[in-house]
């Protein structure tokens, strides 16, 4: 990344939607891979988050930023956990 990171409040609507779509795309790609591995639970959970993110990004107003932030965190963590599981790493919390 170049430059200083922005918060959701500092981003334009276009930047927010782009970020949400990128996370949804990454999570959907992880779900596709998990489907190939036979992990139906991860696929189902991931696609629920993907659909919620995409539904929110279609009508993202200022009042929805807290929900968007929570969904972004959830989606990113799911991708990270799936990636760590695939590589044999264990995430400690």
PDB file of N, CA and C in Angstrom:
ATOM      1  N   UNK A   1       0.829  -1.175   0.000  1.00  0.00           N
ATOM      2  CA  UNK A   1       0.000   0.000   0.000  1.00  0.00           C
ATOM      3  C   UNK A   1       0.873   1.238   0.000  1.00  0.00           C
ATOM      4  N   UNK A   2       0.379   2.225  -0.641  1.00  0.00           N
ATOM      5  CA  UNK A   2       1.087   3.485  -0.710  1.00  0.00           C
ATOM      6  C   UNK A   2       0.316   4.522   0.097  1.00  0.00           C
ATOM      7  N   UNK A   3       1.054   5.371   0.774  1.00  0.00           N
ATOM      8  CA  UNK A   3       0.410   6.449   1.510  1.00  0.00           C
ATOM      9  C   UNK A   3      -0.108   5.993   2.853  1.00  0.00           C
ATOM     10  N   UNK A   4      -0.837   6.883   3.480  1.00  0.00           N
ATOM     11  CA  UNK A   4      -1.386   6.642   4.810  1.00  0.00           C
ATOM     12  C   UNK A   4      -2.763   6.001   4.674  1.00  0.00           C
ATOM     13  N   UNK A   5      -3.020   5.008   5.498  1.00  0.00           N
ATOM     14  CA  UNK A   5      -4.319   4.348   5.483  1.00  0.00           C
ATOM     15  C   UNK A   5      -5.397   5.297   5.987  1.00  0.00           C
ATOM     16  N   UNK A   6      -6.598   5.098   5.494  1.00  0.00           N
ATOM     17  CA  UNK A   6      -7.741   5.913   5.892  1.00  0.00           C
ATOM     18  C   UNK A   6      -8.712   5.062   6.699  1.00  0.00           C
ATOM     19  N   UNK A   7      -9.467   5.716   7.554  1.00  0.00           N
ATOM     20  CA  UNK A   7     -10.570   5.044   8.225  1.00  0.00           C
ATOM     21  C   UNK A   7     -11.772   5.047   7.277  1.00  0.00           C
ATOM     22  N   UNK A   8     -12.778   4.271   7.596  1.00  0.00           N
ATOM     23  CA  UNK A   8     -13.980   4.272   6.766  1.00  0.00           C
ATOM     24  C   UNK A   8     -14.610   5.660   6.706  1.00  0.00           C
ATOM     25  N   UNK A   9     -14.555   6.388   7.815  1.00  0.00           N
ATOM     26  CA  UNK A   9     -15.111   7.747   7.844  1.00  0.00           C
ATOM     27  C   UNK A   9     -14.384   8.672   6.883  1.00  0.00           C
ATOM     28  N   UNK A  10     -13.097   8.456   6.691  1.00  0.00           N
ATOM     29  CA  UNK A  10     -12.285   9.316   5.832  1.00  0.00           C
ATOM     30  C   UNK A  10     -12.372   8.935   4.353  1.00  0.00           C
ATOM     31  N   UNK A  11     -12.858   7.741   4.069  1.00  0.00           N
ATOM     32  CA  UNK A  11     -12.935   7.268   2.688  1.00  0.00           C
ATOM     33  C   UNK A  11     -14.142   7.874   1.980  1.00  0.00           C
ATOM     34  N   UNK A  12     -14.002   7.978   0.664  1.00  0.00           N
ATOM     35  CA  UNK A  12     -15.152   8.360  -0.147  1.00  0.00           C
ATOM     36  C   UNK A  12     -16.069   7.145  -0.274  1.00  0.00           C
ATOM     37  N   UNK A  13     -17.265   7.365  -0.749  1.00  0.00           N
ATOM     38  CA  UNK A  13     -18.198   6.267  -0.940  1.00  0.00           C
ATOM     39  C   UNK A  13     -17.630   5.232  -1.912  1.00  0.00           C
ATOM     40  N   UNK A  14     -16.995   5.694  -2.957  1.00  0.00           N
ATOM     41  CA  UNK A  14     -16.388   4.787  -3.943  1.00  0.00           C
ATOM     42  C   UNK A  14     -15.299   3.935  -3.289  1.00  0.00           C
ATOM     43  N   UNK A  15     -14.466   4.543  -2.451  1.00  0.00           N
ATOM     44  CA  UNK A  15     -13.399   3.800  -1.761  1.00  0.00           C
ATOM     45  C   UNK A  15     -13.986   2.773  -0.802  1.00  0.00           C
ATOM     46  N   UNK A  16     -15.045   3.150  -0.084  1.00  0.00           N
ATOM     47  CA  UNK A  16     -15.680   2.210   0.853  1.00  0.00           C
ATOM     48  C   UNK A  16     -16.239   1.003   0.115  1.00  0.00           C
ATOM     49  N   UNK A  17     -16.961   1.268  -0.954  1.00  0.00           N
ATOM     50  CA  UNK A  17     -17.571   0.182  -1.721  1.00  0.00           C
ATOM     51  C   UNK A  17     -16.488  -0.721  -2.307  1.00  0.00           C
ATOM     52  N   UNK A  18     -15.408  -0.123  -2.795  1.00  0.00           N
ATOM     53  CA  UNK A  18     -14.304  -0.906  -3.356  1.00  0.00           C
ATOM     54  C   UNK A  18     -13.687  -1.816  -2.296  1.00  0.00           C
ATOM     55  N   UNK A  19     -13.478  -1.290  -1.113  1.00  0.00           N
ATOM     56  CA  UNK A  19     -12.914  -2.085  -0.025  1.00  0.00           C
ATOM     57  C   UNK A  19     -13.845  -3.245   0.336  1.00  0.00           C
ATOM     58  N   UNK A  20     -15.125  -2.963   0.469  1.00  0.00           N
ATOM     59  CA  UNK A  20     -16.091  -4.009   0.787  1.00  0.00           C
ATOM     60  C   UNK A  20     -16.121  -5.084  -0.294  1.00  0.00           C
ATOM     61  N   UNK A  21     -16.096  -4.665  -1.544  1.00  0.00           N
ATOM     62  CA  UNK A  21     -16.111  -5.630  -2.644  1.00  0.00           C
ATOM     63  C   UNK A  21     -14.842  -6.480  -2.671  1.00  0.00           C
ATOM     64  N   UNK A  22     -13.695  -5.867  -2.389  1.00  0.00           N
ATOM     65  CA  UNK A  22     -12.439  -6.628  -2.360  1.00  0.00           C
ATOM     66  C   UNK A  22     -12.454  -7.692  -1.274  1.00  0.00           C
ATOM     67  N   UNK A  23     -12.962  -7.341  -0.099  1.00  0.00           N
ATOM     68  CA  UNK A  23     -13.051  -8.317   0.989  1.00  0.00           C
ATOM     69  C   UNK A  23     -14.047  -9.413   0.625  1.00  0.00           C
ATOM     70  N   UNK A  24     -15.183  -9.029   0.051  1.00  0.00           N
ATOM     71  CA  UNK A  24     -16.181 -10.024  -0.355  1.00  0.00           C
ATOM     72  C   UNK A  24     -15.597 -10.967  -1.411  1.00  0.00           C
ATOM     73  N   UNK A  25     -14.853 -10.426  -2.366  1.00  0.00           N
ATOM     74  CA  UNK A  25     -14.237 -11.257  -3.403  1.00  0.00           C
ATOM     75  C   UNK A  25     -13.228 -12.237  -2.808  1.00  0.00           C
ATOM     76  N   UNK A  26     -12.410 -11.764  -1.873  1.00  0.00           N
ATOM     77  CA  UNK A  26     -11.407 -12.635  -1.238  1.00  0.00           C
ATOM     78  C   UNK A  26     -12.081 -13.730  -0.428  1.00  0.00           C
ATOM     79  N   UNK A  27     -13.127 -13.374   0.273  1.00  0.00           N
ATOM     80  CA  UNK A  27     -13.848 -14.359   1.073  1.00  0.00           C
ATOM     81  C   UNK A  27     -14.555 -15.372   0.178  1.00  0.00           C
ATOM     82  N   UNK A  28     -15.105 -14.906  -0.932  1.00  0.00           N
ATOM     83  CA  UNK A  28     -15.755 -15.812  -1.867  1.00  0.00           C
ATOM     84  C   UNK A  28     -14.744 -16.770  -2.499  1.00  0.00           C
ATOM     85  N   UNK A  29     -13.550 -16.283  -2.814  1.00  0.00           N
ATOM     86  CA  UNK A  29     -12.497 -17.150  -3.353  1.00  0.00           C
ATOM     87  C   UNK A  29     -12.099 -18.209  -2.328  1.00  0.00           C
ATOM     88  N   UNK A  30     -12.015 -17.819  -1.056  1.00  0.00           N
ATOM     89  CA  UNK A  30     -11.709 -18.789   0.000  1.00  0.00           C
ATOM     90  C   UNK A  30     -12.818 -19.827   0.113  1.00  0.00           C
ATOM     91  N   UNK A  31     -14.061 -19.383  -0.027  1.00  0.00           N
ATOM     92  CA  UNK A  31     -15.197 -20.303   0.036  1.00  0.00           C
ATOM     93  C   UNK A  31     -15.153 -21.294  -1.125  1.00  0.00           C
ATOM     94  N   UNK A  32     -14.791 -20.805  -2.300  1.00  0.00           N
ATOM     95  CA  UNK A  32     -14.675 -21.707  -3.454  1.00  0.00           C
ATOM     96  C   UNK A  32     -13.609 -22.770  -3.209  1.00  0.00           C
ATOM     97  N   UNK A  33     -12.493 -22.353  -2.635  1.00  0.00           N
ATOM     98  CA  UNK A  33     -11.420 -23.299  -2.336  1.00  0.00           C
ATOM     99  C   UNK A  33     -11.859 -24.290  -1.259  1.00  0.00           C
ATOM    100  N   UNK A  34     -12.562 -23.781  -0.253  1.00  0.00           N
ATOM    101  CA  UNK A  34     -13.045 -24.649   0.823  1.00  0.00           C
ATOM    102  C   UNK A  34     -14.065 -25.652   0.302  1.00  0.00           C
ATOM    103  N   UNK A  35     -14.842 -25.241  -0.690  1.00  0.00           N
ATOM    104  CA  UNK A  35     -15.813 -26.164  -1.273  1.00  0.00           C
ATOM    105  C   UNK A  35     -15.092 -27.344  -1.932  1.00  0.00           C
ATOM    106  N   UNK A  36     -13.992 -27.036  -2.592  1.00  0.00           N
ATOM    107  CA  UNK A  36     -13.187 -28.096  -3.200  1.00  0.00           C
ATOM    108  C   UNK A  36     -12.598 -29.033  -2.164  1.00  0.00           C
ATOM    109  N   UNK A  37     -12.375 -28.505  -0.952  1.00  0.00           N
ATOM    110  CA  UNK A  37     -11.835 -29.313   0.143  1.00  0.00           C
ATOM    111  C   UNK A  37     -12.926 -30.054   0.913  1.00  0.00           C
ATOM    112  N   UNK A  38     -14.189 -29.774   0.569  1.00  0.00           N
ATOM    113  CA  UNK A  38     -15.294 -30.428   1.256  1.00  0.00           C
ATOM    114  C   UNK A  38     -15.693 -29.786   2.575  1.00  0.00           C
ATOM    115  N   UNK A  39     -15.304 -28.543   2.793  1.00  0.00           N
ATOM    116  CA  UNK A  39     -15.614 -27.846   4.043  1.00  0.00           C
ATOM    117  C   UNK A  39     -16.911 -27.043   3.881  1.00  0.00           C
ATOM    118  N   UNK A  40     -18.035 -27.750   3.948  1.00  0.00           N
ATOM    119  CA  UNK A  40     -19.341 -27.137   3.708  1.00  0.00           C
ATOM    120  C   UNK A  40     -19.676 -26.059   4.726  1.00  0.00           C
ATOM    121  N   UNK A  41     -19.267 -26.234   5.974  1.00  0.00           N
ATOM    122  CA  UNK A  41     -19.584 -25.249   7.011  1.00  0.00           C
ATOM    123  C   UNK A  41     -18.906 -23.912   6.716  1.00  0.00           C
ATOM    124  N   UNK A  42     -17.623 -23.940   6.332  1.00  0.00           N
ATOM    125  CA  UNK A  42     -16.924 -22.700   6.010  1.00  0.00           C
ATOM    126  C   UNK A  42     -17.564 -22.033   4.794  1.00  0.00           C
ATOM    127  N   UNK A  43     -17.925 -22.831   3.804  1.00  0.00           N
ATOM    128  CA  UNK A  43     -18.556 -22.282   2.599  1.00  0.00           C
ATOM    129  C   UNK A  43     -19.851 -21.571   2.965  1.00  0.00           C
ATOM    130  N   UNK A  44     -20.672 -22.217   3.755  1.00  0.00           N
ATOM    131  CA  UNK A  44     -21.966 -21.643   4.135  1.00  0.00           C
ATOM    132  C   UNK A  44     -21.785 -20.356   4.941  1.00  0.00           C
ATOM    133  N   UNK A  45     -20.906 -20.395   5.928  1.00  0.00           N
ATOM    134  CA  UNK A  45     -20.671 -19.211   6.753  1.00  0.00           C
ATOM    135  C   UNK A  45     -20.079 -18.070   5.933  1.00  0.00           C
ATOM    136  N   UNK A  46     -19.134 -18.391   5.078  1.00  0.00           N
ATOM    137  CA  UNK A  46     -18.487 -17.380   4.248  1.00  0.00           C
ATOM    138  C   UNK A  46     -19.473 -16.716   3.310  1.00  0.00           C
ATOM    139  N   UNK A  47     -20.288 -17.516   2.668  1.00  0.00           N
ATOM    140  CA  UNK A  47     -21.228 -16.946   1.708  1.00  0.00           C
ATOM    141  C   UNK A  47     -22.290 -16.092   2.386  1.00  0.00           C
ATOM    142  N   UNK A  48     -22.624 -16.401   3.622  1.00  0.00           N
ATOM    143  CA  UNK A  48     -23.541 -15.530   4.374  1.00  0.00           C
ATOM    144  C   UNK A  48     -22.902 -14.158   4.588  1.00  0.00           C
ATOM    145  N   UNK A  49     -21.633 -14.145   4.976  1.00  0.00           N
ATOM    146  CA  UNK A  49     -20.928 -12.873   5.184  1.00  0.00           C
ATOM    147  C   UNK A  49     -20.750 -12.149   3.852  1.00  0.00           C
ATOM    148  N   UNK A  50     -20.393 -12.879   2.803  1.00  0.00           N
ATOM    149  CA  UNK A  50     -20.227 -12.282   1.464  1.00  0.00           C
ATOM    150  C   UNK A  50     -21.523 -11.596   1.036  1.00  0.00           C
ATOM    151  N   UNK A  51     -22.632 -12.287   1.154  1.00  0.00           N
ATOM    152  CA  UNK A  51     -23.915 -11.720   0.725  1.00  0.00           C
ATOM    153  C   UNK A  51     -24.323 -10.522   1.576  1.00  0.00           C
ATOM    154  N   UNK A  52     -24.021 -10.556   2.847  1.00  0.00           N
ATOM    155  CA  UNK A  52     -24.323  -9.424   3.714  1.00  0.00           C
ATOM    156  C   UNK A  52     -23.463  -8.221   3.349  1.00  0.00           C
ATOM    157  N   UNK A  53     -22.185  -8.454   3.097  1.00  0.00           N
ATOM    158  CA  UNK A  53     -21.289  -7.368   2.678  1.00  0.00           C
ATOM    159  C   UNK A  53     -21.783  -6.756   1.370  1.00  0.00           C
ATOM    160  N   UNK A  54     -22.113  -7.590   0.421  1.00  0.00           N
ATOM    161  CA  UNK A  54     -22.559  -7.075  -0.885  1.00  0.00           C
ATOM    162  C   UNK A  54     -23.899  -6.346  -0.755  1.00  0.00           C
ATOM    163  N   UNK A  55     -24.761  -6.833   0.101  1.00  0.00           N
ATOM    164  CA  UNK A  55     -26.038  -6.152   0.322  1.00  0.00           C
ATOM    165  C   UNK A  55     -25.850  -4.787   0.952  1.00  0.00           C
ATOM    166  N   UNK A  56     -24.920  -4.701   1.875  1.00  0.00           N
ATOM    167  CA  UNK A  56     -24.638  -3.427   2.532  1.00  0.00           C
ATOM    168  C   UNK A  56     -23.953  -2.455   1.587  1.00  0.00           C
ATOM    169  N   UNK A  57     -23.046  -2.953   0.766  1.00  0.00           N
ATOM    170  CA  UNK A  57     -22.289  -2.060  -0.121  1.00  0.00           C
ATOM    171  C   UNK A  57     -23.171  -1.460  -1.203  1.00  0.00           C
ATOM    172  N   UNK A  58     -24.308  -2.091  -1.485  1.00  0.00           N
ATOM    173  CA  UNK A  58     -25.223  -1.559  -2.493  1.00  0.00           C
ATOM    174  C   UNK A  58     -25.890  -0.273  -2.027  1.00  0.00           C
ATOM    175  N   UNK A  59     -25.994  -0.088  -0.715  1.00  0.00           N
ATOM    176  CA  UNK A  59     -26.649   1.101  -0.173  1.00  0.00           C
ATOM    177  C   UNK A  59     -25.915   1.536   1.093  1.00  0.00           C
ATOM    178  N   UNK A  60     -24.673   1.957   0.932  1.00  0.00           N
ATOM    179  CA  UNK A  60     -23.820   2.258   2.076  1.00  0.00           C
ATOM    180  C   UNK A  60     -23.890   3.741   2.422  1.00  0.00           C
ATOM    181  N   UNK A  61     -24.601   4.038   3.480  1.00  0.00           N
ATOM    182  CA  UNK A  61     -24.676   5.409   3.961  1.00  0.00           C
ATOM    183  C   UNK A  61     -23.802   5.592   5.183  1.00  0.00           C
ATOM    184  N   UNK A  62     -23.677   6.818   5.633  1.00  0.00           N
ATOM    185  CA  UNK A  62     -22.855   7.119   6.795  1.00  0.00           C
ATOM    186  C   UNK A  62     -23.293   6.406   8.053  1.00  0.00           C
ATOM    187  N   UNK A  63     -24.583   6.162   8.177  1.00  0.00           N
ATOM    188  CA  UNK A  63     -25.091   5.495   9.379  1.00  0.00           C
ATOM    189  C   UNK A  63     -24.752   4.019   9.419  1.00  0.00           C
ATOM    190  N   UNK A  64     -24.334   3.469   8.294  1.00  0.00           N
ATOM    191  CA  UNK A  64     -24.021   2.041   8.204  1.00  0.00           C
ATOM    192  C   UNK A  64     -22.540   1.737   8.385  1.00  0.00           C
ATOM    193  N   UNK A  65     -21.742   2.730   8.730  1.00  0.00           N
ATOM    194  CA  UNK A  65     -20.293   2.516   8.806  1.00  0.00           C
ATOM    195  C   UNK A  65     -19.896   1.551   9.916  1.00  0.00           C
ATOM    196  N   UNK A  66     -20.585   1.568  11.025  1.00  0.00           N
ATOM    197  CA  UNK A  66     -20.253   0.632  12.109  1.00  0.00           C
ATOM    198  C   UNK A  66     -20.516  -0.806  11.657  1.00  0.00           C
ATOM    199  N   UNK A  67     -21.626  -1.023  10.963  1.00  0.00           N
ATOM    200  CA  UNK A  67     -21.928  -2.361  10.440  1.00  0.00           C
ATOM    201  C   UNK A  67     -20.903  -2.766   9.390  1.00  0.00           C
ATOM    202  N   UNK A  68     -20.533  -1.830   8.524  1.00  0.00           N
ATOM    203  CA  UNK A  68     -19.535  -2.124   7.486  1.00  0.00           C
ATOM    204  C   UNK A  68     -18.204  -2.495   8.120  1.00  0.00           C
ATOM    205  N   UNK A  69     -17.799  -1.767   9.134  1.00  0.00           N
ATOM    206  CA  UNK A  69     -16.534  -2.055   9.808  1.00  0.00           C
ATOM    207  C   UNK A  69     -16.548  -3.447  10.426  1.00  0.00           C
ATOM    208  N   UNK A  70     -17.635  -3.805  11.065  1.00  0.00           N
ATOM    209  CA  UNK A  70     -17.755  -5.127  11.681  1.00  0.00           C
ATOM    210  C   UNK A  70     -17.715  -6.231  10.629  1.00  0.00           C
ATOM    211  N   UNK A  71     -18.412  -6.024   9.521  1.00  0.00           N
ATOM    212  CA  UNK A  71     -18.404  -7.021   8.448  1.00  0.00           C
ATOM    213  C   UNK A  71     -17.027  -7.152   7.809  1.00  0.00           C
ATOM    214  N   UNK A  72     -16.338  -6.039   7.637  1.00  0.00           N
ATOM    215  CA  UNK A  72     -14.973  -6.083   7.097  1.00  0.00           C
ATOM    216  C   UNK A  72     -14.055  -6.884   8.012  1.00  0.00           C
ATOM    217  N   UNK A  73     -14.125  -6.606   9.307  1.00  0.00           N
ATOM    218  CA  UNK A  73     -13.299  -7.342  10.269  1.00  0.00           C
ATOM    219  C   UNK A  73     -13.609  -8.832  10.220  1.00  0.00           C
ATOM    220  N   UNK A  74     -14.904  -9.164  10.192  1.00  0.00           N
ATOM    221  CA  UNK A  74     -15.309 -10.574  10.161  1.00  0.00           C
ATOM    222  C   UNK A  74     -14.811 -11.248   8.891  1.00  0.00           C
ATOM    223  N   UNK A  75     -15.009 -10.605   7.750  1.00  0.00           N
ATOM    224  CA  UNK A  75     -14.582 -11.189   6.481  1.00  0.00           C
ATOM    225  C   UNK A  75     -13.081 -11.381   6.403  1.00  0.00           C
ATOM    226  N   UNK A  76     -12.337 -10.382   6.837  1.00  0.00           N
ATOM    227  CA  UNK A  76     -10.870 -10.463   6.806  1.00  0.00           C
ATOM    228  C   UNK A  76     -10.382 -11.573   7.733  1.00  0.00           C
ATOM    229  N   UNK A  77     -10.973 -11.672   8.909  1.00  0.00           N
ATOM    230  CA  UNK A  77     -10.558 -12.725   9.850  1.00  0.00           C
ATOM    231  C   UNK A  77     -10.879 -14.112   9.312  1.00  0.00           C
ATOM    232  N   UNK A  78     -12.010 -14.256   8.640  1.00  0.00           N
ATOM    233  CA  UNK A  78     -12.354 -15.566   8.070  1.00  0.00           C
ATOM    234  C   UNK A  78     -11.362 -15.969   6.982  1.00  0.00           C
ATOM    235  N   UNK A  79     -10.988 -15.021   6.131  1.00  0.00           N
ATOM    236  CA  UNK A  79      -9.993 -15.311   5.086  1.00  0.00           C
ATOM    237  C   UNK A  79      -8.659 -15.671   5.727  1.00  0.00           C
ATOM    238  N   UNK A  80      -8.252 -14.912   6.733  1.00  0.00           N
ATOM    239  CA  UNK A  80      -6.987 -15.170   7.418  1.00  0.00           C
ATOM    240  C   UNK A  80      -6.982 -16.551   8.075  1.00  0.00           C
ATOM    241  N   UNK A  81      -8.044 -16.878   8.770  1.00  0.00           N
ATOM    242  CA  UNK A  81      -8.108 -18.178   9.425  1.00  0.00           C
ATOM    243  C   UNK A  81      -8.096 -19.317   8.417  1.00  0.00           C
ATOM    244  N   UNK A  82      -8.790 -19.153   7.306  1.00  0.00           N
ATOM    245  CA  UNK A  82      -8.784 -20.189   6.276  1.00  0.00           C
ATOM    246  C   UNK A  82      -7.388 -20.340   5.684  1.00  0.00           C
ATOM    247  N   UNK A  83      -6.738 -19.219   5.400  1.00  0.00           N
ATOM    248  CA  UNK A  83      -5.388 -19.246   4.844  1.00  0.00           C
ATOM    249  C   UNK A  83      -4.418 -19.916   5.820  1.00  0.00           C
ATOM    250  N   UNK A  84      -4.518 -19.574   7.086  1.00  0.00           N
ATOM    251  CA  UNK A  84      -3.649 -20.181   8.093  1.00  0.00           C
ATOM    252  C   UNK A  84      -3.907 -21.680   8.221  1.00  0.00           C
ATOM    253  N   UNK A  85      -5.159 -22.057   8.150  1.00  0.00           N
ATOM    254  CA  UNK A  85      -5.502 -23.479   8.255  1.00  0.00           C
ATOM    255  C   UNK A  85      -4.945 -24.248   7.063  1.00  0.00           C
ATOM    256  N   UNK A  86      -5.024 -23.657   5.885  1.00  0.00           N
ATOM    257  CA  UNK A  86      -4.517 -24.307   4.676  1.00  0.00           C
ATOM    258  C   UNK A  86      -2.996 -24.460   4.720  1.00  0.00           C
ATOM    259  N   UNK A  87      -2.331 -23.488   5.328  1.00  0.00           N
ATOM    260  CA  UNK A  87      -0.871 -23.546   5.368  1.00  0.00           C
ATOM    261  C   UNK A  87      -0.352 -24.284   6.593  1.00  0.00           C
ATOM    262  N   UNK A  88      -1.260 -24.733   7.460  1.00  0.00           N
ATOM    263  CA  UNK A  88      -0.859 -25.481   8.650  1.00  0.00           C
ATOM    264  C   UNK A  88      -0.521 -24.603   9.838  1.00  0.00           C
ATOM    265  N   UNK A  89      -0.704 -23.294   9.695  1.00  0.00           N
ATOM    266  CA  UNK A  89      -0.441 -22.392  10.822  1.00  0.00           C
ATOM    267  C   UNK A  89      -1.643 -22.365  11.729  1.00  0.00           C
ATOM    268  N   UNK A  90      -1.396 -22.136  13.006  1.00  0.00           N
ATOM    269  CA  UNK A  90      -2.473 -22.015  13.972  1.00  0.00           C
ATOM    270  C   UNK A  90      -2.491 -20.590  14.496  1.00  0.00           C
ATOM    271  N   UNK A  91      -3.638 -19.957  14.409  1.00  0.00           N
ATOM    272  CA  UNK A  91      -3.772 -18.579  14.891  1.00  0.00           C
ATOM    273  C   UNK A  91      -4.134 -18.606  16.371  1.00  0.00           C
ATOM    274  N   UNK A  92      -3.357 -17.923  17.159  1.00  0.00           N
ATOM    275  CA  UNK A  92      -3.642 -17.799  18.590  1.00  0.00           C
ATOM    276  C   UNK A  92      -4.290 -16.454  18.840  1.00  0.00           C
ATOM    277  N   UNK A  93      -5.309 -16.443  19.698  1.00  0.00           N
ATOM    278  CA  UNK A  93      -6.011 -15.198  20.012  1.00  0.00           C
ATOM    279  C   UNK A  93      -5.823 -14.851  21.455  1.00  0.00           C
TER     280      UNK A  93
END
